[in-house]
Amino acid sequence: MHTPRPESPRSANCQLLYFTTYSSTADGQVLAAITNAYSEHAEGASLARIDRTTGEMAPLATFAGPAMQAYPYFARPKSADPKEDYLYNGTVAKHGLNKSSPCLHPATGNLFFVWGREDGWGVLDCVNLRDGRRRTLLEIPPERCVGYTHLDASGEHVLLSLMDSRILAFGEVRKNNQEMSENYAKYGLTTQLAEVEVATGKLTVLWEEPGWVTHVQYHPRRRDVVLYNHEWTWPLGTERIWLKRAGESRVQIRRPGRAIQFRESPDLGLDDVAHEVWQENGEGIIYHGVRWDAPGHPEQFVGRAPVDPHLPLQEISIPRDRPSFYGHFIPSRAGDFVITDAVANEKGLAQRKGNLISRLNMDWINGTMEVVPLCESNTSWHTQDNHPHPVPSPDQTEVLFTSDRDGVRRIYSVPANL
């Protein structure tokens, strides 16, 4: 295995953007980072750029305090019960950076992000990683809050999930994930899926979804097809992943009755399915799932859903001699390999958490995978910020990830193959 290379200074906590977006410019020279370096609060959240040649970090957008409330950063106090640790994601405020929102266009270096003003309004801004120029595109009323964002291939449109802000109050007191989506339905809350034209700031609501949507992604080659989720829904295995073409009804991707190759599920609905992303040729959707009650340790599988809803799903399990736990799975452009932070060695198995960054070489014809550990991440997994969220670089030669392995949250890189 490789020894990972630190990419951010040890003097401040730093992390990648969320893994459905790149954090590197197309030439690999500049990184976008979320950091507390320029804030007055220990858990502050600002945006910075890191020059990979010199290691110099410079501010792009600074905020004095912690991140603003937004999915999954709810204003929930830390519990005395360790079993509820997963519900806590650190200190948040009613204004500041929305840490889930930043989205980078690697070719231009344009970084789009949402932040909250003290009057309750949200603001969608764009700042360039190279010249630091910043401008405002859109103001968002207090009754709506933003989840993750996404860019079309040209970087000319931003896709937003505009959730009903009442979800934030549910998050403060939630006891489990399922009750969140149940409350969303109980009160008839909706999510507006909307796009913003970068040149003009024009907002267009594409449709209003009768559910809680946090993840939104344009098709890699066209804007009229959108992949999206229903967050913390039930049953998890069938209600999570959705696809919609403009002017057509939505399509349920993993649904009862759709054939599955290579894997049999004891109960399709009880599979914990999540983290759906496009295969970059647009021909399929890569996702992962977990059967938590499998003997010994969870059964993790990687799935591929052809866009044609009549074709079968393909689901390939991580070999049972490779223990794995909660984690994230992001495919290469071609979908021939998947990067994950879920696999564990003996040390990780003893701690019941993934501690390796691994490459899964997928054989979608024969239904097998090869697990290739690239390095140890050894992160604590405490709060969302310390999740590794590994992602290939734009040229696919490296993997970037976040870890607090040495006591400070830092960004690391490792070659994408041995």
Protein backbone atom coordinates (compact mmCIF):
# COMPACT_ATOMS: atom_id res chain seq x y z
CA MET A 1 0.00 0.00 0.00
CA HIS A 2 0.96 3.63 -0.47
CA THR A 3 1.70 6.24 2.18
CA PRO A 4 -0.76 9.10 1.60
CA ARG A 5 0.58 12.59 0.94
CA PRO A 6 -0.76 15.51 3.03
CA GLU A 7 -2.13 18.28 0.81
CA SER A 8 -3.28 20.77 3.45
CA PRO A 9 -1.32 22.41 6.28
CA ARG A 10 -1.22 20.88 9.74
CA SER A 11 -1.98 24.28 11.22
CA ALA A 12 -5.73 24.15 10.48
CA ASN A 13 -8.58 21.72 10.00
CA CYS A 14 -9.27 21.23 6.29
CA GLN A 15 -11.57 18.96 4.32
CA LEU A 16 -12.61 18.24 0.77
CA LEU A 17 -15.85 19.37 -0.76
CA TYR A 18 -18.58 16.73 -0.72
CA PHE A 19 -17.66 13.76 -2.89
CA THR A 20 -20.29 14.26 -5.62
CA THR A 21 -18.14 17.16 -6.84
CA TYR A 22 -14.45 17.44 -7.66
CA SER A 23 -12.19 19.38 -5.29
CA SER A 24 -9.38 19.84 -7.83
CA THR A 25 -8.95 21.95 -10.93
CA ALA A 26 -8.67 20.03 -14.19
CA ASP A 27 -4.88 20.41 -14.28
CA GLY A 28 -4.58 19.11 -10.71
CA GLN A 29 -2.69 22.20 -9.54
CA VAL A 30 -5.22 23.84 -7.21
CA LEU A 31 -7.51 22.36 -4.56
CA ALA A 32 -10.68 23.78 -3.06
CA ALA A 33 -11.00 23.21 0.69
CA ILE A 34 -13.31 23.89 3.60
CA THR A 35 -11.27 25.09 6.59
CA ASN A 36 -11.45 26.75 10.00
CA ALA A 37 -8.22 28.67 9.31
CA TYR A 38 -9.90 32.05 8.78
CA SER A 39 -12.68 31.82 11.35
CA GLU A 40 -12.96 33.04 14.93
CA HIS A 41 -14.59 29.77 16.09
CA ALA A 42 -12.76 26.45 16.46
CA GLU A 43 -15.43 24.81 14.31
CA GLY A 44 -15.52 27.70 11.85
CA ALA A 45 -16.09 27.06 8.17
CA SER A 46 -14.58 29.12 5.37
CA LEU A 47 -13.49 28.33 1.81
CA ALA A 48 -9.86 28.32 0.69
CA ARG A 49 -7.65 27.38 -2.21
CA ILE A 50 -4.48 25.31 -1.87
CA ASP A 51 -1.63 25.58 -4.36
CA ARG A 52 -0.35 22.02 -4.64
CA THR A 53 3.06 23.09 -5.91
CA THR A 54 3.89 25.44 -3.04
CA GLY A 55 1.49 24.13 -0.39
CA GLU A 56 0.30 27.70 0.19
CA MET A 57 -3.31 28.11 1.32
CA ALA A 58 -5.24 31.34 0.72
CA PRO A 59 -8.81 32.38 1.61
CA LEU A 60 -11.60 32.51 -0.98
CA ALA A 61 -14.67 33.20 1.18
CA THR A 62 -14.37 33.71 4.93
CA PHE A 63 -16.96 33.39 7.69
CA ALA A 64 -16.35 34.13 11.35
CA GLY A 65 -18.40 31.35 12.89
CA PRO A 66 -19.45 27.74 12.40
CA ALA A 67 -21.36 26.48 9.39
CA MET A 68 -25.02 27.34 8.99
CA GLN A 69 -27.75 24.79 9.68
CA ALA A 70 -28.34 22.66 6.60
CA TYR A 71 -28.54 18.97 5.79
CA PRO A 72 -26.81 17.06 7.35
CA TYR A 73 -25.54 19.72 9.78
CA PHE A 74 -28.51 20.00 12.11
CA ALA A 75 -28.51 21.94 15.39
CA ARG A 76 -28.56 18.84 17.54
CA PRO A 77 -26.57 18.72 20.81
CA LYS A 78 -24.08 15.93 21.32
CA SER A 79 -25.62 12.96 23.12
CA ALA A 80 -24.20 11.15 26.14
CA ASP A 81 -25.16 7.90 24.38
CA PRO A 82 -22.34 6.73 22.03
CA LYS A 83 -24.95 4.91 19.92
CA GLU A 84 -26.31 8.33 18.92
CA ASP A 85 -22.95 9.75 17.82
CA TYR A 86 -23.98 9.44 14.17
CA LEU A 87 -26.75 12.00 14.77
CA TYR A 88 -24.26 14.72 15.78
CA ASN A 89 -22.32 16.72 13.20
CA GLY A 90 -20.74 19.49 15.25
CA THR A 91 -21.66 23.04 16.19
CA VAL A 92 -23.82 24.98 13.73
CA ALA A 93 -25.24 28.50 13.47
CA LYS A 94 -28.17 30.19 11.76
CA HIS A 95 -25.85 31.89 9.26
CA GLY A 96 -22.47 31.24 7.65
CA LEU A 97 -21.26 28.75 5.05
CA ASN A 98 -23.52 25.90 3.96
CA LYS A 99 -20.84 23.19 4.06
CA SER A 100 -22.83 20.76 1.91
CA SER A 101 -23.30 23.19 -0.97
CA PRO A 102 -19.89 23.90 -2.60
CA CYS A 103 -19.56 22.57 -6.14
CA LEU A 104 -16.51 23.05 -8.39
CA HIS A 105 -16.22 23.27 -12.17
CA PRO A 106 -12.68 21.89 -12.70
CA ALA A 107 -12.07 23.42 -16.14
CA THR A 108 -12.81 27.03 -15.18
CA GLY A 109 -12.04 26.84 -11.47
CA ASN A 110 -15.42 28.37 -10.66
CA LEU A 111 -16.58 27.34 -7.19
CA PHE A 112 -20.28 27.74 -6.40
CA PHE A 113 -21.54 27.76 -2.81
CA VAL A 114 -24.43 28.82 -0.61
CA TRP A 115 -24.09 30.85 2.57
CA GLY A 116 -26.63 32.27 5.01
CA ARG A 117 -27.07 35.89 6.05
CA GLU A 118 -28.10 36.94 9.54
CA ASP A 119 -31.54 37.98 8.23
CA GLY A 120 -32.27 34.35 7.32
CA TRP A 121 -31.80 34.65 3.57
CA GLY A 122 -29.49 32.31 1.71
CA VAL A 123 -27.10 33.48 -1.01
CA LEU A 124 -25.66 31.53 -3.95
CA ASP A 125 -22.20 32.89 -4.82
CA CYS A 126 -19.45 31.98 -7.26
CA VAL A 127 -15.75 32.50 -6.58
CA ASN A 128 -12.90 31.57 -8.89
CA LEU A 129 -10.06 29.45 -7.50
CA ARG A 130 -7.43 31.16 -9.64
CA ASP A 131 -8.19 34.87 -9.51
CA GLY A 132 -10.41 35.02 -6.40
CA ARG A 133 -13.16 37.01 -8.12
CA ARG A 134 -16.50 36.54 -6.38
CA ARG A 135 -20.04 37.43 -7.38
CA THR A 136 -23.59 36.75 -6.25
CA LEU A 137 -25.97 34.80 -8.47
CA LEU A 138 -29.11 34.35 -6.37
CA GLU A 139 -30.80 35.13 -3.06
CA ILE A 140 -32.82 32.31 -1.46
CA PRO A 141 -35.78 33.12 0.84
CA PRO A 142 -35.71 31.87 4.45
CA GLU A 143 -38.51 29.35 3.88
CA ARG A 144 -36.19 27.30 1.65
CA CYS A 145 -32.80 25.77 2.46
CA VAL A 146 -30.32 24.09 0.14
CA GLY A 147 -28.87 20.58 0.18
CA TYR A 148 -26.16 19.54 -2.25
CA THR A 149 -25.67 21.33 -5.57
CA HIS A 150 -24.49 20.19 -8.99
CA LEU A 151 -23.21 21.69 -12.24
CA ASP A 152 -23.95 20.78 -15.82
CA ALA A 153 -20.97 19.73 -17.96
CA SER A 154 -20.41 23.23 -19.34
CA GLY A 155 -20.54 24.88 -15.92
CA GLU A 156 -23.29 27.19 -17.15
CA HIS A 157 -26.11 25.99 -14.86
CA VAL A 158 -26.31 25.13 -11.16
CA LEU A 159 -28.82 22.53 -9.97
CA LEU A 160 -30.30 23.08 -6.50
CA SER A 161 -32.53 21.17 -4.10
CA LEU A 162 -34.62 23.84 -2.35
CA MET A 163 -36.03 22.06 0.70
CA ASP A 164 -38.71 23.31 3.06
CA SER A 165 -36.76 24.93 5.90
CA ARG A 166 -39.00 23.31 8.51
CA ILE A 167 -36.84 20.20 8.10
CA LEU A 168 -34.18 21.98 10.19
CA ALA A 169 -36.39 21.95 13.29
CA PHE A 170 -37.06 18.22 12.83
CA GLY A 171 -33.31 17.64 12.67
CA GLU A 172 -32.71 19.28 16.03
CA VAL A 173 -34.76 16.67 17.90
CA ARG A 174 -34.64 13.58 15.69
CA LYS A 175 -34.16 10.20 17.33
CA ASN A 176 -33.47 8.32 14.10
CA ASN A 177 -33.33 8.90 10.38
CA GLN A 178 -36.64 7.34 9.38
CA GLU A 179 -38.70 9.80 11.41
CA MET A 180 -37.25 12.70 9.40
CA SER A 181 -38.76 11.61 6.09
CA GLU A 182 -41.95 10.55 7.87
CA ASN A 183 -42.32 14.09 9.28
CA TYR A 184 -41.64 15.54 5.85
CA ALA A 185 -44.54 13.51 4.46
CA LYS A 186 -46.79 14.05 7.48
CA TYR A 187 -46.70 17.82 7.06
CA GLY A 188 -46.88 17.71 3.26
CA LEU A 189 -43.52 19.40 2.76
CA THR A 190 -42.00 19.63 -0.70
CA THR A 191 -38.62 20.15 -2.35
CA GLN A 192 -38.23 22.42 -5.35
CA LEU A 193 -35.70 21.13 -7.86
CA ALA A 194 -34.41 24.24 -9.55
CA GLU A 195 -31.62 25.45 -11.78
CA VAL A 196 -29.79 28.75 -11.90
CA GLU A 197 -28.32 30.16 -15.09
CA VAL A 198 -24.78 31.22 -14.20
CA ALA A 199 -24.57 34.10 -16.69
CA THR A 200 -27.75 35.84 -15.51
CA GLY A 201 -28.67 34.37 -12.11
CA LYS A 202 -32.09 33.43 -13.48
CA LEU A 203 -33.84 30.82 -11.31
CA THR A 204 -36.13 28.23 -12.91
CA VAL A 205 -38.07 25.77 -10.76
CA LEU A 206 -38.03 22.55 -12.79
CA TRP A 207 -40.61 20.78 -10.64
CA GLU A 208 -41.78 20.42 -7.06
CA GLU A 209 -41.15 17.00 -5.53
CA PRO A 210 -43.50 15.70 -2.79
CA GLY A 211 -40.58 14.49 -0.71
CA TRP A 212 -37.31 15.39 0.98
CA VAL A 213 -34.59 15.70 -1.67
CA THR A 214 -30.96 16.43 -0.76
CA HIS A 215 -28.85 14.96 -3.60
CA VAL A 216 -29.35 16.28 -7.15
CA GLN A 217 -27.24 15.57 -10.23
CA TYR A 218 -27.55 16.53 -13.88
CA HIS A 219 -26.99 13.82 -16.47
CA PRO A 220 -23.30 14.13 -17.48
CA ARG A 221 -24.15 15.09 -21.06
CA ARG A 222 -27.57 16.75 -20.94
CA ARG A 223 -29.60 18.97 -18.64
CA ASP A 224 -33.04 17.51 -19.22
CA VAL A 225 -32.35 14.36 -17.18
CA VAL A 226 -31.87 14.64 -13.41
CA LEU A 227 -30.85 12.00 -10.88
CA TYR A 228 -32.10 12.68 -7.36
CA ASN A 229 -32.88 11.00 -4.06
CA HIS A 230 -35.49 10.79 -1.35
CA GLU A 231 -33.47 11.31 1.82
CA TRP A 232 -33.73 8.92 4.81
CA THR A 233 -36.85 7.45 3.27
CA TRP A 234 -38.54 4.13 3.94
CA PRO A 235 -38.15 1.44 2.74
CA LEU A 236 -34.57 2.51 2.15
CA GLY A 237 -33.87 -0.14 -0.46
CA THR A 238 -36.58 0.87 -2.88
CA GLU A 239 -37.54 4.51 -2.25
CA ARG A 240 -34.11 6.19 -2.37
CA ILE A 241 -33.10 6.64 -6.04
CA TRP A 242 -35.17 8.45 -8.67
CA LEU A 243 -34.69 9.73 -12.21
CA LYS A 244 -36.70 12.33 -14.09
CA ARG A 245 -36.65 13.47 -17.68
CA ALA A 246 -38.14 16.84 -18.54
CA GLY A 247 -41.83 16.50 -19.37
CA GLU A 248 -42.02 12.87 -18.23
CA SER A 249 -43.01 11.05 -15.06
CA ARG A 250 -40.32 10.20 -12.53
CA VAL A 251 -38.73 6.73 -12.64
CA GLN A 252 -38.06 4.65 -9.52
CA ILE A 253 -34.63 3.13 -10.12
CA ARG A 254 -34.45 0.28 -7.58
CA ARG A 255 -37.97 -1.01 -7.30
CA PRO A 256 -39.80 -4.28 -6.62
CA GLY A 257 -40.03 -6.34 -9.77
CA ARG A 258 -36.88 -5.04 -11.48
CA ALA A 259 -34.53 -7.94 -12.06
CA ILE A 260 -31.15 -8.00 -10.30
CA GLN A 261 -28.09 -9.82 -11.62
CA PHE A 262 -25.34 -11.42 -9.49
CA ARG A 263 -26.91 -10.88 -6.06
CA GLU A 264 -30.01 -12.02 -4.20
CA SER A 265 -31.50 -9.83 -1.49
CA PRO A 266 -33.39 -11.39 1.43
CA ASP A 267 -35.51 -8.22 1.54
CA LEU A 268 -35.09 -5.57 -1.15
CA GLY A 269 -36.59 -2.84 1.02
CA LEU A 270 -34.27 -3.47 3.98
CA ASP A 271 -31.09 -2.98 1.94
CA ASP A 272 -29.68 0.41 2.99
CA VAL A 273 -29.12 1.98 -0.43
CA ALA A 274 -27.42 5.37 -0.81
CA HIS A 275 -24.79 7.58 -2.45
CA GLU A 276 -26.04 7.27 -6.02
CA VAL A 277 -23.87 8.94 -8.68
CA TRP A 278 -23.74 9.01 -12.45
CA GLN A 279 -21.38 6.86 -14.44
CA GLU A 280 -19.77 9.67 -16.40
CA ASN A 281 -20.80 8.40 -19.84
CA GLY A 282 -24.39 8.77 -18.66
CA GLU A 283 -25.29 5.16 -19.46
CA GLY A 284 -25.71 4.04 -15.88
CA ILE A 285 -26.05 5.03 -12.23
CA ILE A 286 -23.62 3.64 -9.67
CA TYR A 287 -24.85 3.23 -6.10
CA HIS A 288 -24.05 1.15 -3.07
CA GLY A 289 -26.02 -0.69 -0.46
CA VAL A 290 -25.61 -2.43 2.86
CA ARG A 291 -27.31 -5.38 4.45
CA TRP A 292 -26.67 -4.55 8.10
CA ASP A 293 -27.88 -7.84 9.56
CA ALA A 294 -25.48 -10.05 7.60
CA PRO A 295 -23.55 -12.45 9.85
CA GLY A 296 -20.18 -11.22 11.20
CA HIS A 297 -20.08 -7.82 9.54
CA PRO A 298 -22.30 -5.92 7.11
CA GLU A 299 -22.66 -7.13 3.53
CA GLN A 300 -21.74 -4.22 1.28
CA PHE A 301 -22.50 -4.24 -2.42
CA VAL A 302 -21.94 -1.94 -5.38
CA GLY A 303 -24.81 -1.57 -7.81
CA ARG A 304 -25.17 -0.36 -11.36
CA ALA A 305 -28.52 0.70 -12.76
CA PRO A 306 -28.74 1.08 -16.55
CA VAL A 307 -30.69 4.21 -17.47
CA ASP A 308 -33.06 2.00 -19.47
CA PRO A 309 -35.51 1.00 -16.70
CA HIS A 310 -36.33 -2.28 -18.44
CA LEU A 311 -32.78 -3.61 -18.12
CA PRO A 312 -31.78 -5.48 -14.94
CA LEU A 313 -29.81 -3.97 -12.09
CA GLN A 314 -26.34 -5.35 -11.46
CA GLU A 315 -25.22 -5.74 -7.84
CA ILE A 316 -21.85 -7.14 -6.80
CA SER A 317 -20.99 -7.77 -3.16
CA ILE A 318 -17.62 -7.03 -1.61
CA PRO A 319 -16.07 -10.45 -0.91
CA ARG A 320 -16.90 -11.63 2.61
CA ASP A 321 -13.21 -12.03 3.45
CA ARG A 322 -12.92 -8.22 3.06
CA PRO A 323 -14.75 -6.71 6.07
CA SER A 324 -16.45 -3.39 5.36
CA PHE A 325 -18.64 -0.93 7.22
CA TYR A 326 -20.41 2.37 6.56
CA GLY A 327 -18.72 4.27 3.75
CA HIS A 328 -18.88 6.04 0.42
CA PHE A 329 -18.44 4.72 -3.12
CA ILE A 330 -17.54 6.89 -6.11
CA PRO A 331 -16.98 5.46 -9.62
CA SER A 332 -14.41 6.25 -12.24
CA ARG A 333 -15.62 7.99 -15.39
CA ALA A 334 -16.04 4.68 -17.19
CA GLY A 335 -17.41 2.85 -14.16
CA ASP A 336 -14.68 0.21 -14.45
CA PHE A 337 -13.47 0.91 -10.92
CA VAL A 338 -14.98 2.37 -7.77
CA ILE A 339 -13.15 4.13 -4.92
CA THR A 340 -14.38 3.49 -1.37
CA ASP A 341 -13.51 4.30 2.24
CA ALA A 342 -15.59 1.43 3.67
CA VAL A 343 -13.14 -1.50 3.63
CA ALA A 344 -11.33 -2.45 6.85
CA ASN A 345 -8.19 -4.36 7.72
CA GLU A 346 -7.79 -6.12 11.07
CA LYS A 347 -7.39 -2.80 12.89
CA GLY A 348 -10.54 -1.41 11.31
CA LEU A 349 -12.45 -4.62 11.94
CA ALA A 350 -11.63 -4.39 15.65
CA GLN A 351 -12.99 -0.81 15.67
CA ARG A 352 -16.00 -1.72 13.48
CA LYS A 353 -15.24 0.98 10.90
CA GLY A 354 -13.60 1.32 7.51
CA ASN A 355 -9.99 2.45 7.74
CA LEU A 356 -8.72 1.87 4.19
CA ILE A 357 -9.00 3.79 0.94
CA SER A 358 -9.56 1.04 -1.61
CA ARG A 359 -10.05 0.61 -5.32
CA LEU A 360 -12.71 -1.87 -6.39
CA ASN A 361 -12.01 -3.16 -9.89
CA MET A 362 -15.46 -4.03 -11.21
CA ASP A 363 -16.26 -6.82 -13.65
CA TRP A 364 -19.82 -5.99 -14.67
CA ILE A 365 -19.94 -8.89 -17.14
CA ASN A 366 -19.11 -11.70 -14.73
CA GLY A 367 -20.35 -10.10 -11.51
CA THR A 368 -17.08 -10.00 -9.59
CA MET A 369 -14.81 -7.37 -8.09
CA GLU A 370 -11.17 -7.15 -7.05
CA VAL A 371 -10.49 -5.21 -3.84
CA VAL A 372 -7.21 -3.27 -4.00
CA PRO A 373 -6.33 -1.34 -0.79
CA LEU A 374 -4.46 1.85 -1.72
CA CYS A 375 -3.64 3.22 1.74
CA GLU A 376 -4.88 3.50 5.30
CA SER A 377 -7.16 6.44 6.02
CA ASN A 378 -7.35 5.78 9.78
CA THR A 379 -9.84 8.58 10.28
CA SER A 380 -11.99 8.80 13.39
CA TRP A 381 -15.29 9.10 11.46
CA HIS A 382 -16.42 11.55 14.21
CA THR A 383 -18.93 13.91 12.55
CA GLN A 384 -19.52 14.28 8.82
CA ASP A 385 -16.40 16.44 8.48
CA ASN A 386 -14.07 13.54 9.30
CA HIS A 387 -15.62 11.14 6.80
CA PRO A 388 -12.97 10.45 4.14
CA HIS A 389 -15.32 11.07 1.17
CA PRO A 390 -12.67 9.84 -1.31
CA VAL A 391 -12.92 11.03 -4.89
CA PRO A 392 -10.75 10.45 -7.98
CA SER A 393 -8.96 13.45 -9.41
CA PRO A 394 -10.31 14.81 -12.72
CA ASP A 395 -7.61 12.90 -14.64
CA GLN A 396 -8.38 9.73 -12.61
CA THR A 397 -4.73 9.20 -11.60
CA GLU A 398 -5.11 10.15 -7.93
CA VAL A 399 -7.56 9.79 -5.09
CA LEU A 400 -8.15 12.68 -2.70
CA PHE A 401 -9.64 12.11 0.75
CA THR A 402 -10.09 13.68 4.19
CA SER A 403 -8.77 12.25 7.47
CA ASP A 404 -7.93 13.31 11.02
CA ARG A 405 -5.45 10.43 11.29
CA ASP A 406 -2.79 12.61 12.96
CA GLY A 407 -5.18 14.57 15.17
CA VAL A 408 -5.80 17.37 12.66
CA ARG A 409 -8.35 17.13 9.86
CA ARG A 410 -6.37 17.27 6.62
CA ILE A 411 -6.67 16.55 2.92
CA TYR A 412 -4.56 13.70 1.54
CA SER A 413 -3.78 12.26 -1.88
CA VAL A 414 -2.78 8.78 -2.97
CA PRO A 415 -2.19 7.23 -6.42
CA ALA A 416 -5.35 5.64 -7.82
CA ASN A 417 -3.64 2.30 -8.38
CA LEU A 418 -0.78 0.28 -6.94
